[in-house]
Amino acid sequence: MAEKGKSKTDVIARLDVKNRVELCRYCGNKVDVVLAVSPNGKKRMRRLCCED
């Protein structure tokens, strides 16, 4: 039997990963990830930081 007061997931570890800031290896700025949809409907995740 599982303990009632214990969580199955490590909440502290999940928050640590979520709050970790990823930096660009080229410019050192924070990397922003956005979902881009092309005209033909294909979805792609794009990383924005030093791109103009």
N, C-alpha and C. Protein backbone atom coordinates (compact mmCIF):
# COMPACT_ATOMS: atom_id res chain seq x y z
N MET A 1 0.83 -1.19 0.00
CA MET A 1 0.00 0.00 0.00
C MET A 1 0.87 1.25 0.00
N ALA A 2 0.46 2.22 -0.76
CA ALA A 2 1.19 3.49 -0.84
C ALA A 2 0.82 4.36 0.36
N GLU A 3 1.77 5.17 0.76
CA GLU A 3 1.51 6.09 1.86
C GLU A 3 0.59 7.19 1.36
N LYS A 4 -0.33 7.60 2.19
CA LYS A 4 -1.33 8.61 1.78
C LYS A 4 -0.75 10.01 1.65
N GLY A 5 0.20 10.39 2.50
CA GLY A 5 0.71 11.75 2.50
C GLY A 5 1.88 11.98 1.57
N LYS A 6 2.29 10.97 0.82
CA LYS A 6 3.49 11.10 -0.01
C LYS A 6 3.11 11.28 -1.48
N SER A 7 3.75 12.22 -2.14
CA SER A 7 3.51 12.48 -3.55
C SER A 7 4.30 11.48 -4.40
N LYS A 8 3.75 11.10 -5.54
CA LYS A 8 4.45 10.19 -6.45
C LYS A 8 5.57 10.90 -7.19
N THR A 9 5.48 12.21 -7.33
CA THR A 9 6.50 12.96 -8.06
C THR A 9 7.26 13.87 -7.10
N ASP A 10 8.48 14.19 -7.47
CA ASP A 10 9.30 15.09 -6.68
C ASP A 10 9.01 16.52 -7.14
N VAL A 11 8.13 17.19 -6.41
CA VAL A 11 7.66 18.52 -6.80
C VAL A 11 8.80 19.54 -6.79
N ILE A 12 9.69 19.44 -5.84
CA ILE A 12 10.81 20.38 -5.74
C ILE A 12 11.70 20.26 -6.97
N ALA A 13 11.98 19.03 -7.41
CA ALA A 13 12.82 18.83 -8.59
C ALA A 13 12.13 19.37 -9.84
N ARG A 14 10.82 19.18 -9.96
CA ARG A 14 10.10 19.70 -11.12
C ARG A 14 10.12 21.21 -11.15
N LEU A 15 9.97 21.87 -10.01
CA LEU A 15 10.02 23.33 -9.96
C LEU A 15 11.42 23.84 -10.29
N ASP A 16 12.44 23.11 -9.85
CA ASP A 16 13.81 23.51 -10.15
C ASP A 16 14.07 23.48 -11.65
N VAL A 17 13.61 22.46 -12.33
CA VAL A 17 13.78 22.35 -13.79
C VAL A 17 12.99 23.45 -14.49
N LYS A 18 11.79 23.72 -14.01
CA LYS A 18 10.95 24.74 -14.63
C LYS A 18 11.54 26.14 -14.49
N ASN A 19 12.18 26.42 -13.36
CA ASN A 19 12.72 27.75 -13.10
C ASN A 19 14.13 27.94 -13.63
N ARG A 20 14.74 26.88 -14.13
CA ARG A 20 16.10 26.98 -14.66
C ARG A 20 16.08 27.82 -15.95
N VAL A 21 16.99 28.75 -16.07
CA VAL A 21 17.04 29.62 -17.24
C VAL A 21 18.06 29.05 -18.22
N GLU A 22 17.63 28.87 -19.46
CA GLU A 22 18.53 28.37 -20.50
C GLU A 22 19.13 29.55 -21.25
N LEU A 23 20.46 29.55 -21.38
CA LEU A 23 21.15 30.64 -22.06
C LEU A 23 21.66 30.17 -23.42
N CYS A 24 21.67 31.09 -24.38
CA CYS A 24 22.15 30.80 -25.73
C CYS A 24 23.65 30.57 -25.70
N ARG A 25 24.11 29.59 -26.43
CA ARG A 25 25.55 29.30 -26.45
C ARG A 25 26.33 30.31 -27.28
N TYR A 26 25.64 31.09 -28.12
CA TYR A 26 26.32 32.05 -28.99
C TYR A 26 26.35 33.45 -28.40
N CYS A 27 25.19 33.96 -27.97
CA CYS A 27 25.14 35.34 -27.49
C CYS A 27 25.03 35.46 -25.97
N GLY A 28 24.64 34.38 -25.28
CA GLY A 28 24.52 34.41 -23.83
C GLY A 28 23.21 34.95 -23.31
N ASN A 29 22.29 35.31 -24.19
CA ASN A 29 20.97 35.80 -23.77
C ASN A 29 20.05 34.64 -23.45
N LYS A 30 18.93 34.96 -22.76
CA LYS A 30 17.93 33.95 -22.43
C LYS A 30 17.26 33.48 -23.73
N VAL A 31 17.04 32.18 -23.84
CA VAL A 31 16.43 31.61 -25.04
C VAL A 31 14.92 31.58 -24.87
N ASP A 32 14.19 32.16 -25.81
CA ASP A 32 12.74 32.10 -25.83
C ASP A 32 12.32 31.08 -26.87
N VAL A 33 11.39 30.20 -26.51
CA VAL A 33 10.91 29.18 -27.44
C VAL A 33 9.47 29.52 -27.80
N VAL A 34 9.19 29.59 -29.11
CA VAL A 34 7.84 29.90 -29.58
C VAL A 34 7.40 28.86 -30.60
N LEU A 35 6.10 28.70 -30.73
CA LEU A 35 5.53 27.80 -31.71
C LEU A 35 5.27 28.59 -32.98
N ALA A 36 5.92 28.20 -34.08
CA ALA A 36 5.73 28.88 -35.37
C ALA A 36 4.97 27.95 -36.30
N VAL A 37 3.98 28.50 -36.99
CA VAL A 37 3.18 27.73 -37.93
C VAL A 37 3.48 28.24 -39.33
N SER A 38 3.94 27.36 -40.21
CA SER A 38 4.25 27.75 -41.57
C SER A 38 2.97 27.89 -42.38
N PRO A 39 3.02 28.52 -43.56
CA PRO A 39 1.82 28.71 -44.38
C PRO A 39 1.13 27.39 -44.77
N ASN A 40 1.89 26.31 -44.87
CA ASN A 40 1.26 25.03 -45.23
C ASN A 40 0.71 24.29 -44.01
N GLY A 41 0.80 24.90 -42.82
CA GLY A 41 0.18 24.33 -41.62
C GLY A 41 1.10 23.51 -40.74
N LYS A 42 2.37 23.39 -41.10
CA LYS A 42 3.31 22.61 -40.29
C LYS A 42 3.75 23.41 -39.07
N LYS A 43 3.67 22.80 -37.90
CA LYS A 43 4.04 23.48 -36.66
C LYS A 43 5.48 23.14 -36.31
N ARG A 44 6.19 24.14 -35.78
CA ARG A 44 7.58 23.95 -35.43
C ARG A 44 7.93 24.84 -34.24
N MET A 45 8.71 24.31 -33.31
CA MET A 45 9.18 25.10 -32.18
C MET A 45 10.44 25.85 -32.62
N ARG A 46 10.44 27.17 -32.43
CA ARG A 46 11.59 27.99 -32.81
C ARG A 46 12.20 28.59 -31.57
N ARG A 47 13.52 28.66 -31.54
CA ARG A 47 14.25 29.25 -30.43
C ARG A 47 14.68 30.65 -30.83
N LEU A 48 14.26 31.63 -30.08
CA LEU A 48 14.57 33.02 -30.38
C LEU A 48 15.50 33.58 -29.30
N CYS A 49 16.57 34.20 -29.71
CA CYS A 49 17.43 34.93 -28.76
C CYS A 49 18.27 35.94 -29.55
N CYS A 50 19.24 35.47 -30.32
CA CYS A 50 20.10 36.40 -31.05
C CYS A 50 19.68 36.50 -32.51
N GLU A 51 18.51 36.01 -32.84
CA GLU A 51 18.01 36.04 -34.21
C GLU A 51 17.26 37.36 -34.43
N ASP A 52 17.49 38.01 -35.55
CA ASP A 52 16.81 39.30 -35.83
C ASP A 52 15.90 39.19 -37.01
